[in-house]
Amino acid sequence: MVVDVVLKPEISDPQGQAVLGALGRLGHTQVTGVRQGKHFVLDVEGTVDEADLRQIAETLLANPVIEDVELHLPTD
């Protein structure tokens, strides 16, 4: 199971802005935005449903006040 965490769009992302500036200086002007985030890969035994995974993400992996989470559940 994978959880991606990124800052909400209304929250300033200085690291993303730094990367965007560097890309521009390297000539990659087609990139118009960068958002930095965290990528978590969870190994689990048995099954974990979406509600459990969301609770894990929102209580431990992310700060829901300033970050959004995206869950990637196995499709089997």
PDB file of N, CA and C in Angstrom:
ATOM      1  N   MET A   1       0.837  -1.163   0.000  1.00  0.00           N
ATOM      2  CA  MET A   1       0.000   0.000   0.000  1.00  0.00           C
ATOM      3  C   MET A   1       0.887   1.232   0.000  1.00  0.00           C
ATOM      4  N   VAL A   2       0.437   2.247  -0.703  1.00  0.00           N
ATOM      5  CA  VAL A   2       1.228   3.460  -0.849  1.00  0.00           C
ATOM      6  C   VAL A   2       0.387   4.658  -0.425  1.00  0.00           C
ATOM      7  N   VAL A   3       1.035   5.570   0.291  1.00  0.00           N
ATOM      8  CA  VAL A   3       0.410   6.830   0.672  1.00  0.00           C
ATOM      9  C   VAL A   3       1.323   7.960   0.199  1.00  0.00           C
ATOM     10  N   ASP A   4       0.776   8.868  -0.587  1.00  0.00           N
ATOM     11  CA  ASP A   4       1.501  10.063  -0.997  1.00  0.00           C
ATOM     12  C   ASP A   4       0.930  11.248  -0.231  1.00  0.00           C
ATOM     13  N   VAL A   5       1.824  12.085   0.285  1.00  0.00           N
ATOM     14  CA  VAL A   5       1.435  13.253   1.073  1.00  0.00           C
ATOM     15  C   VAL A   5       2.044  14.489   0.417  1.00  0.00           C
ATOM     16  N   VAL A   6       1.215  15.479   0.126  1.00  0.00           N
ATOM     17  CA  VAL A   6       1.703  16.741  -0.445  1.00  0.00           C
ATOM     18  C   VAL A   6       1.048  17.900   0.287  1.00  0.00           C
ATOM     19  N   LEU A   7       1.739  19.042   0.264  1.00  0.00           N
ATOM     20  CA  LEU A   7       1.151  20.245   0.842  1.00  0.00           C
ATOM     21  C   LEU A   7      -0.101  20.624   0.067  1.00  0.00           C
ATOM     22  N   LYS A   8      -1.093  21.149   0.777  1.00  0.00           N
ATOM     23  CA  LYS A   8      -2.302  21.621   0.109  1.00  0.00           C
ATOM     24  C   LYS A   8      -1.926  22.759  -0.848  1.00  0.00           C
ATOM     25  N   PRO A   9      -2.690  22.925  -1.919  1.00  0.00           N
ATOM     26  CA  PRO A   9      -2.345  23.936  -2.928  1.00  0.00           C
ATOM     27  C   PRO A   9      -2.205  25.353  -2.361  1.00  0.00           C
ATOM     28  N   GLU A  10      -2.961  25.676  -1.328  1.00  0.00           N
ATOM     29  CA  GLU A  10      -2.908  27.035  -0.784  1.00  0.00           C
ATOM     30  C   GLU A  10      -1.727  27.267   0.169  1.00  0.00           C
ATOM     31  N   ILE A  11      -0.969  26.204   0.461  1.00  0.00           N
ATOM     32  CA  ILE A  11       0.194  26.298   1.341  1.00  0.00           C
ATOM     33  C   ILE A  11       1.448  26.505   0.489  1.00  0.00           C
ATOM     34  N   SER A  12       2.240  27.489   0.848  1.00  0.00           N
ATOM     35  CA  SER A  12       3.483  27.773   0.123  1.00  0.00           C
ATOM     36  C   SER A  12       4.422  26.568   0.197  1.00  0.00           C
ATOM     37  N   ASP A  13       5.085  26.263  -0.919  1.00  0.00           N
ATOM     38  CA  ASP A  13       5.999  25.123  -0.996  1.00  0.00           C
ATOM     39  C   ASP A  13       7.386  25.625  -1.427  1.00  0.00           C
ATOM     40  N   PRO A  14       8.206  26.098  -0.467  1.00  0.00           N
ATOM     41  CA  PRO A  14       9.504  26.660  -0.829  1.00  0.00           C
ATOM     42  C   PRO A  14      10.428  25.660  -1.510  1.00  0.00           C
ATOM     43  N   GLN A  15      10.380  24.401  -1.124  1.00  0.00           N
ATOM     44  CA  GLN A  15      11.243  23.416  -1.765  1.00  0.00           C
ATOM     45  C   GLN A  15      10.817  23.204  -3.215  1.00  0.00           C
ATOM     46  N   GLY A  16       9.517  23.140  -3.460  1.00  0.00           N
ATOM     47  CA  GLY A  16       9.023  23.023  -4.830  1.00  0.00           C
ATOM     48  C   GLY A  16       9.417  24.220  -5.664  1.00  0.00           C
ATOM     49  N   GLN A  17       9.348  25.422  -5.085  1.00  0.00           N
ATOM     50  CA  GLN A  17       9.744  26.630  -5.807  1.00  0.00           C
ATOM     51  C   GLN A  17      11.240  26.619  -6.124  1.00  0.00           C
ATOM     52  N   ALA A  18      12.056  26.115  -5.194  1.00  0.00           N
ATOM     53  CA  ALA A  18      13.499  26.026  -5.443  1.00  0.00           C
ATOM     54  C   ALA A  18      13.793  25.071  -6.598  1.00  0.00           C
ATOM     55  N   VAL A  19      13.108  23.938  -6.619  1.00  0.00           N
ATOM     56  CA  VAL A  19      13.297  22.969  -7.706  1.00  0.00           C
ATOM     57  C   VAL A  19      12.846  23.580  -9.028  1.00  0.00           C
ATOM     58  N   LEU A  20      11.703  24.274  -9.010  1.00  0.00           N
ATOM     59  CA  LEU A  20      11.205  24.910 -10.231  1.00  0.00           C
ATOM     60  C   LEU A  20      12.211  25.937 -10.756  1.00  0.00           C
ATOM     61  N   GLY A  21      12.794  26.726  -9.856  1.00  0.00           N
ATOM     62  CA  GLY A  21      13.797  27.693 -10.280  1.00  0.00           C
ATOM     63  C   GLY A  21      15.011  27.024 -10.888  1.00  0.00           C
ATOM     64  N   ALA A  22      15.463  25.939 -10.282  1.00  0.00           N
ATOM     65  CA  ALA A  22      16.618  25.211 -10.801  1.00  0.00           C
ATOM     66  C   ALA A  22      16.318  24.605 -12.169  1.00  0.00           C
ATOM     67  N   LEU A  23      15.115  24.074 -12.338  1.00  0.00           N
ATOM     68  CA  LEU A  23      14.737  23.515 -13.637  1.00  0.00           C
ATOM     69  C   LEU A  23      14.772  24.590 -14.721  1.00  0.00           C
ATOM     70  N   GLY A  24      14.268  25.780 -14.395  1.00  0.00           N
ATOM     71  CA  GLY A  24      14.297  26.881 -15.356  1.00  0.00           C
ATOM     72  C   GLY A  24      15.714  27.259 -15.738  1.00  0.00           C
ATOM     73  N   ARG A  25      16.615  27.307 -14.740  1.00  0.00           N
ATOM     74  CA  ARG A  25      18.012  27.655 -15.028  1.00  0.00           C
ATOM     75  C   ARG A  25      18.695  26.585 -15.869  1.00  0.00           C
ATOM     76  N   LEU A  26      18.217  25.354 -15.787  1.00  0.00           N
ATOM     77  CA  LEU A  26      18.777  24.257 -16.585  1.00  0.00           C
ATOM     78  C   LEU A  26      18.136  24.166 -17.971  1.00  0.00           C
ATOM     79  N   GLY A  27      17.201  25.089 -18.245  1.00  0.00           N
ATOM     80  CA  GLY A  27      16.595  25.118 -19.574  1.00  0.00           C
ATOM     81  C   GLY A  27      15.297  24.343 -19.700  1.00  0.00           C
ATOM     82  N   HIS A  28      14.787  23.817 -18.620  1.00  0.00           N
ATOM     83  CA  HIS A  28      13.539  23.044 -18.662  1.00  0.00           C
ATOM     84  C   HIS A  28      12.351  23.963 -18.392  1.00  0.00           C
ATOM     85  N   THR A  29      12.154  24.899 -19.279  1.00  0.00           N
ATOM     86  CA  THR A  29      11.125  25.922 -19.080  1.00  0.00           C
ATOM     87  C   THR A  29       9.703  25.396 -19.298  1.00  0.00           C
ATOM     88  N   GLN A  30       9.562  24.196 -19.843  1.00  0.00           N
ATOM     89  CA  GLN A  30       8.230  23.627 -20.031  1.00  0.00           C
ATOM     90  C   GLN A  30       7.602  23.182 -18.719  1.00  0.00           C
ATOM     91  N   VAL A  31       8.405  23.019 -17.653  1.00  0.00           N
ATOM     92  CA  VAL A  31       7.870  22.673 -16.337  1.00  0.00           C
ATOM     93  C   VAL A  31       7.391  23.965 -15.692  1.00  0.00           C
ATOM     94  N   THR A  32       6.103  24.017 -15.353  1.00  0.00           N
ATOM     95  CA  THR A  32       5.518  25.255 -14.841  1.00  0.00           C
ATOM     96  C   THR A  32       5.169  25.197 -13.355  1.00  0.00           C
ATOM     97  N   GLY A  33       5.307  24.042 -12.734  1.00  0.00           N
ATOM     98  CA  GLY A  33       5.009  23.940 -11.312  1.00  0.00           C
ATOM     99  C   GLY A  33       5.611  22.689 -10.718  1.00  0.00           C
ATOM    100  N   VAL A  34       6.023  22.783  -9.453  1.00  0.00           N
ATOM    101  CA  VAL A  34       6.568  21.633  -8.728  1.00  0.00           C
ATOM    102  C   VAL A  34       6.010  21.664  -7.313  1.00  0.00           C
ATOM    103  N   ARG A  35       5.495  20.541  -6.856  1.00  0.00           N
ATOM    104  CA  ARG A  35       5.053  20.384  -5.467  1.00  0.00           C
ATOM    105  C   ARG A  35       5.856  19.244  -4.864  1.00  0.00           C
ATOM    106  N   GLN A  36       6.511  19.495  -3.762  1.00  0.00           N
ATOM    107  CA  GLN A  36       7.312  18.497  -3.073  1.00  0.00           C
ATOM    108  C   GLN A  36       6.399  17.730  -2.120  1.00  0.00           C
ATOM    109  N   GLY A  37       6.681  16.458  -1.914  1.00  0.00           N
ATOM    110  CA  GLY A  37       5.861  15.666  -1.012  1.00  0.00           C
ATOM    111  C   GLY A  37       6.615  14.503  -0.414  1.00  0.00           C
ATOM    112  N   LYS A  38       5.854  13.634   0.246  1.00  0.00           N
ATOM    113  CA  LYS A  38       6.410  12.435   0.872  1.00  0.00           C
ATOM    114  C   LYS A  38       5.710  11.223   0.276  1.00  0.00           C
ATOM    115  N   HIS A  39       6.450  10.147   0.139  1.00  0.00           N
ATOM    116  CA  HIS A  39       5.947   8.905  -0.454  1.00  0.00           C
ATOM    117  C   HIS A  39       6.201   7.790   0.557  1.00  0.00           C
ATOM    118  N   PHE A  40       5.135   7.166   1.057  1.00  0.00           N
ATOM    119  CA  PHE A  40       5.258   6.093   2.030  1.00  0.00           C
ATOM    120  C   PHE A  40       4.792   4.782   1.397  1.00  0.00           C
ATOM    121  N   VAL A  41       5.580   3.728   1.573  1.00  0.00           N
ATOM    122  CA  VAL A  41       5.202   2.385   1.132  1.00  0.00           C
ATOM    123  C   VAL A  41       5.025   1.547   2.389  1.00  0.00           C
ATOM    124  N   LEU A  42       3.814   1.039   2.598  1.00  0.00           N
ATOM    125  CA  LEU A  42       3.511   0.256   3.792  1.00  0.00           C
ATOM    126  C   LEU A  42       3.380  -1.212   3.416  1.00  0.00           C
ATOM    127  N   ASP A  43       4.146  -2.063   4.093  1.00  0.00           N
ATOM    128  CA  ASP A  43       3.989  -3.505   3.958  1.00  0.00           C
ATOM    129  C   ASP A  43       3.057  -3.957   5.068  1.00  0.00           C
ATOM    130  N   VAL A  44       1.994  -4.655   4.714  1.00  0.00           N
ATOM    131  CA  VAL A  44       1.009  -5.080   5.710  1.00  0.00           C
ATOM    132  C   VAL A  44       0.753  -6.570   5.580  1.00  0.00           C
ATOM    133  N   GLU A  45       0.390  -7.169   6.701  1.00  0.00           N
ATOM    134  CA  GLU A  45      -0.060  -8.560   6.699  1.00  0.00           C
ATOM    135  C   GLU A  45      -1.574  -8.542   6.694  1.00  0.00           C
ATOM    136  N   GLY A  46      -2.165  -9.423   5.918  1.00  0.00           N
ATOM    137  CA  GLY A  46      -3.614  -9.447   5.836  1.00  0.00           C
ATOM    138  C   GLY A  46      -4.128  -8.285   5.007  1.00  0.00           C
ATOM    139  N   THR A  47      -5.315  -7.840   5.350  1.00  0.00           N
ATOM    140  CA  THR A  47      -5.926  -6.757   4.586  1.00  0.00           C
ATOM    141  C   THR A  47      -6.121  -5.531   5.472  1.00  0.00           C
ATOM    142  N   VAL A  48      -5.968  -4.385   4.865  1.00  0.00           N
ATOM    143  CA  VAL A  48      -6.256  -3.114   5.506  1.00  0.00           C
ATOM    144  C   VAL A  48      -7.209  -2.389   4.576  1.00  0.00           C
ATOM    145  N   ASP A  49      -8.369  -1.985   5.102  1.00  0.00           N
ATOM    146  CA  ASP A  49      -9.316  -1.316   4.215  1.00  0.00           C
ATOM    147  C   ASP A  49      -8.976   0.161   4.086  1.00  0.00           C
ATOM    148  N   GLU A  50      -9.650   0.807   3.183  1.00  0.00           N
ATOM    149  CA  GLU A  50      -9.341   2.209   2.874  1.00  0.00           C
ATOM    150  C   GLU A  50      -9.525   3.109   4.091  1.00  0.00           C
ATOM    151  N   ALA A  51     -10.549   2.853   4.891  1.00  0.00           N
ATOM    152  CA  ALA A  51     -10.787   3.684   6.077  1.00  0.00           C
ATOM    153  C   ALA A  51      -9.633   3.572   7.066  1.00  0.00           C
ATOM    154  N   ASP A  52      -9.120   2.352   7.275  1.00  0.00           N
ATOM    155  CA  ASP A  52      -7.983   2.163   8.178  1.00  0.00           C
ATOM    156  C   ASP A  52      -6.742   2.860   7.639  1.00  0.00           C
ATOM    157  N   LEU A  53      -6.493   2.721   6.355  1.00  0.00           N
ATOM    158  CA  LEU A  53      -5.325   3.350   5.744  1.00  0.00           C
ATOM    159  C   LEU A  53      -5.432   4.874   5.811  1.00  0.00           C
ATOM    160  N   ARG A  54      -6.627   5.410   5.582  1.00  0.00           N
ATOM    161  CA  ARG A  54      -6.820   6.860   5.671  1.00  0.00           C
ATOM    162  C   ARG A  54      -6.569   7.344   7.101  1.00  0.00           C
ATOM    163  N   GLN A  55      -7.033   6.570   8.093  1.00  0.00           N
ATOM    164  CA  GLN A  55      -6.803   6.951   9.488  1.00  0.00           C
ATOM    165  C   GLN A  55      -5.307   6.963   9.802  1.00  0.00           C
ATOM    166  N   ILE A  56      -4.588   5.944   9.337  1.00  0.00           N
ATOM    167  CA  ILE A  56      -3.135   5.896   9.530  1.00  0.00           C
ATOM    168  C   ILE A  56      -2.491   7.127   8.896  1.00  0.00           C
ATOM    169  N   ALA A  57      -2.880   7.421   7.672  1.00  0.00           N
ATOM    170  CA  ALA A  57      -2.277   8.537   6.939  1.00  0.00           C
ATOM    171  C   ALA A  57      -2.561   9.869   7.611  1.00  0.00           C
ATOM    172  N   GLU A  58      -3.789  10.080   8.029  1.00  0.00           N
ATOM    173  CA  GLU A  58      -4.170  11.388   8.551  1.00  0.00           C
ATOM    174  C   GLU A  58      -3.775  11.603  10.007  1.00  0.00           C
ATOM    175  N   THR A  59      -3.479  10.526  10.731  1.00  0.00           N
ATOM    176  CA  THR A  59      -3.086  10.700  12.134  1.00  0.00           C
ATOM    177  C   THR A  59      -1.591  10.586  12.355  1.00  0.00           C
ATOM    178  N   LEU A  60      -0.877   9.938  11.442  1.00  0.00           N
ATOM    179  CA  LEU A  60       0.553   9.726  11.654  1.00  0.00           C
ATOM    180  C   LEU A  60       1.424  10.240  10.515  1.00  0.00           C
ATOM    181  N   LEU A  61       1.024  10.011   9.285  1.00  0.00           N
ATOM    182  CA  LEU A  61       1.887  10.308   8.147  1.00  0.00           C
ATOM    183  C   LEU A  61       1.746  11.736   7.637  1.00  0.00           C
ATOM    184  N   ALA A  62       0.624  12.365   7.911  1.00  0.00           N
ATOM    185  CA  ALA A  62       0.370  13.703   7.374  1.00  0.00           C
ATOM    186  C   ALA A  62      -0.221  14.606   8.440  1.00  0.00           C
ATOM    187  N   ASN A  63      -0.084  15.894   8.198  1.00  0.00           N
ATOM    188  CA  ASN A  63      -0.771  16.897   8.998  1.00  0.00           C
ATOM    189  C   ASN A  63      -1.953  17.368   8.165  1.00  0.00           C
ATOM    190  N   PRO A  64      -3.169  16.895   8.466  1.00  0.00           N
ATOM    191  CA  PRO A  64      -4.310  17.198   7.597  1.00  0.00           C
ATOM    192  C   PRO A  64      -4.675  18.681   7.527  1.00  0.00           C
ATOM    193  N   VAL A  65      -4.129  19.491   8.395  1.00  0.00           N
ATOM    194  CA  VAL A  65      -4.386  20.930   8.329  1.00  0.00           C
ATOM    195  C   VAL A  65      -3.679  21.541   7.120  1.00  0.00           C
ATOM    196  N   ILE A  66      -2.471  21.062   6.811  1.00  0.00           N
ATOM    197  CA  ILE A  66      -1.694  21.665   5.723  1.00  0.00           C
ATOM    198  C   ILE A  66      -1.349  20.691   4.606  1.00  0.00           C
ATOM    199  N   GLU A  67      -1.666  19.400   4.771  1.00  0.00           N
ATOM    200  CA  GLU A  67      -1.274  18.403   3.769  1.00  0.00           C
ATOM    201  C   GLU A  67      -2.476  17.593   3.304  1.00  0.00           C
ATOM    202  N   ASP A  68      -2.437  17.189   2.043  1.00  0.00           N
ATOM    203  CA  ASP A  68      -3.411  16.270   1.466  1.00  0.00           C
ATOM    204  C   ASP A  68      -2.778  14.891   1.346  1.00  0.00           C
ATOM    205  N   VAL A  69      -3.597  13.859   1.453  1.00  0.00           N
ATOM    206  CA  VAL A  69      -3.103  12.496   1.275  1.00  0.00           C
ATOM    207  C   VAL A  69      -3.783  11.863   0.071  1.00  0.00           C
ATOM    208  N   GLU A  70      -3.029  11.021  -0.620  1.00  0.00           N
ATOM    209  CA  GLU A  70      -3.572  10.233  -1.722  1.00  0.00           C
ATOM    210  C   GLU A  70      -3.230   8.792  -1.432  1.00  0.00           C
ATOM    211  N   LEU A  71      -4.260   7.940  -1.393  1.00  0.00           N
ATOM    212  CA  LEU A  71      -4.083   6.522  -1.070  1.00  0.00           C
ATOM    213  C   LEU A  71      -4.026   5.718  -2.365  1.00  0.00           C
ATOM    214  N   HIS A  72      -3.121   4.750  -2.380  1.00  0.00           N
ATOM    215  CA  HIS A  72      -3.003   3.836  -3.525  1.00  0.00           C
ATOM    216  C   HIS A  72      -3.147   2.420  -2.984  1.00  0.00           C
ATOM    217  N   LEU A  73      -4.346   1.870  -3.148  1.00  0.00           N
ATOM    218  CA  LEU A  73      -4.639   0.531  -2.647  1.00  0.00           C
ATOM    219  C   LEU A  73      -4.382  -0.491  -3.740  1.00  0.00           C
ATOM    220  N   PRO A  74      -3.927  -1.692  -3.350  1.00  0.00           N
ATOM    221  CA  PRO A  74      -3.746  -2.739  -4.367  1.00  0.00           C
ATOM    222  C   PRO A  74      -5.084  -3.092  -5.002  1.00  0.00           C
ATOM    223  N   THR A  75      -5.055  -3.399  -6.283  1.00  0.00           N
ATOM    224  CA  THR A  75      -6.290  -3.720  -6.997  1.00  0.00           C
ATOM    225  C   THR A  75      -6.556  -5.207  -7.103  1.00  0.00           C
ATOM    226  N   ASP A  76      -5.551  -6.017  -6.811  1.00  0.00           N
ATOM    227  CA  ASP A  76      -5.662  -7.496  -6.906  1.00  0.00           C
ATOM    228  C   ASP A  76      -6.529  -7.888  -8.038  1.00  0.00           C
TER     229      ASP A  76
END
